[in-house]
Amino acid sequence: MDPQRLKDAYQKLQSLDDRMTHKVRPRAGGALVRPSPDQLEQSLRELAVYTVELKEVVQELFLAFASKPNPAS
């Protein structure tokens, strides 16, 4: 396992959480009004960005676990 790569992946995950989780988390109690098509499109874009970045972080985690430690670290 490469601890530096693992640390970097964790930092990416934290950054993603700070930037995006509040945008994709369901609202408590649900919506009182129906969203407009533009609002739905924006929400879909945000969810797509979140999903792709999360996939990249998970991929980096797998690589960190499969890699040997960097001798420089």
Protein backbone atom coordinates (compact mmCIF):
# COMPACT_ATOMS: atom_id res chain seq x y z
CA MET A 1 0.00 0.00 0.00
CA ASP A 2 1.22 3.49 -0.86
CA PRO A 3 0.39 5.70 2.16
CA GLN A 4 1.00 8.98 0.29
CA ARG A 5 -1.33 7.97 -2.53
CA LEU A 6 -3.93 6.94 0.05
CA LYS A 7 -3.59 10.28 1.82
CA ASP A 8 -3.99 12.15 -1.50
CA ALA A 9 -7.13 10.17 -2.35
CA TYR A 10 -8.58 10.92 1.07
CA GLN A 11 -7.91 14.63 0.60
CA LYS A 12 -9.67 14.50 -2.78
CA LEU A 13 -12.63 12.81 -1.11
CA GLN A 14 -12.76 15.49 1.59
CA SER A 15 -12.62 18.22 -1.05
CA LEU A 16 -15.45 16.59 -2.99
CA ASP A 17 -17.50 16.33 0.19
CA ASP A 18 -16.92 19.99 1.07
CA ARG A 19 -17.75 21.23 -2.42
CA MET A 20 -20.59 19.01 -3.58
CA THR A 21 -22.34 16.86 -0.98
CA HIS A 22 -24.68 19.63 0.14
CA LYS A 23 -25.79 20.04 -3.49
CA VAL A 24 -26.74 16.39 -4.03
CA ARG A 25 -28.07 15.49 -0.58
CA PRO A 26 -31.87 15.07 -0.56
CA ARG A 27 -33.74 17.83 1.22
CA ALA A 28 -35.42 16.89 4.50
CA GLY A 29 -39.19 16.73 4.10
CA GLY A 30 -39.06 16.75 0.31
CA ALA A 31 -39.93 19.53 -2.12
CA LEU A 32 -43.02 21.65 -1.65
CA VAL A 33 -43.04 22.75 -5.29
CA ARG A 34 -42.06 21.01 -8.48
CA PRO A 35 -38.67 22.05 -9.82
CA SER A 36 -38.48 23.73 -13.21
CA PRO A 37 -36.78 21.97 -16.12
CA ASP A 38 -33.78 24.28 -15.65
CA GLN A 39 -33.52 23.38 -11.97
CA LEU A 40 -33.74 19.68 -12.81
CA GLU A 41 -31.04 20.07 -15.45
CA GLN A 42 -28.75 21.88 -12.98
CA SER A 43 -29.34 19.21 -10.34
CA LEU A 44 -28.56 16.49 -12.87
CA ARG A 45 -25.31 18.23 -13.85
CA GLU A 46 -24.25 18.51 -10.19
CA LEU A 47 -25.05 14.85 -9.59
CA ALA A 48 -23.08 13.86 -12.69
CA VAL A 49 -20.02 15.86 -11.53
CA TYR A 50 -20.28 14.32 -8.07
CA THR A 51 -20.58 10.81 -9.47
CA VAL A 52 -17.61 11.12 -11.83
CA GLU A 53 -15.36 12.65 -9.16
CA LEU A 54 -16.39 9.99 -6.64
CA LYS A 55 -15.54 7.29 -9.18
CA GLU A 56 -12.10 8.85 -9.65
CA VAL A 57 -11.48 8.90 -5.90
CA VAL A 58 -12.51 5.25 -5.54
CA GLN A 59 -10.23 4.33 -8.43
CA GLU A 60 -7.36 6.20 -6.76
CA LEU A 61 -8.05 4.34 -3.50
CA PHE A 62 -7.82 0.99 -5.27
CA LEU A 63 -4.54 2.04 -6.86
CA ALA A 64 -3.20 3.22 -3.50
CA PHE A 65 -3.96 -0.14 -1.92
CA ALA A 66 -2.46 -2.03 -4.87
CA SER A 67 0.71 0.10 -5.11
CA LYS A 68 3.95 -0.35 -3.29
CA PRO A 69 5.10 2.57 -1.13
CA ASN A 70 7.14 5.19 -2.92
CA PRO A 71 10.75 4.88 -1.66
CA ALA A 72 10.98 8.70 -1.44
CA SER A 73 8.22 8.83 1.20
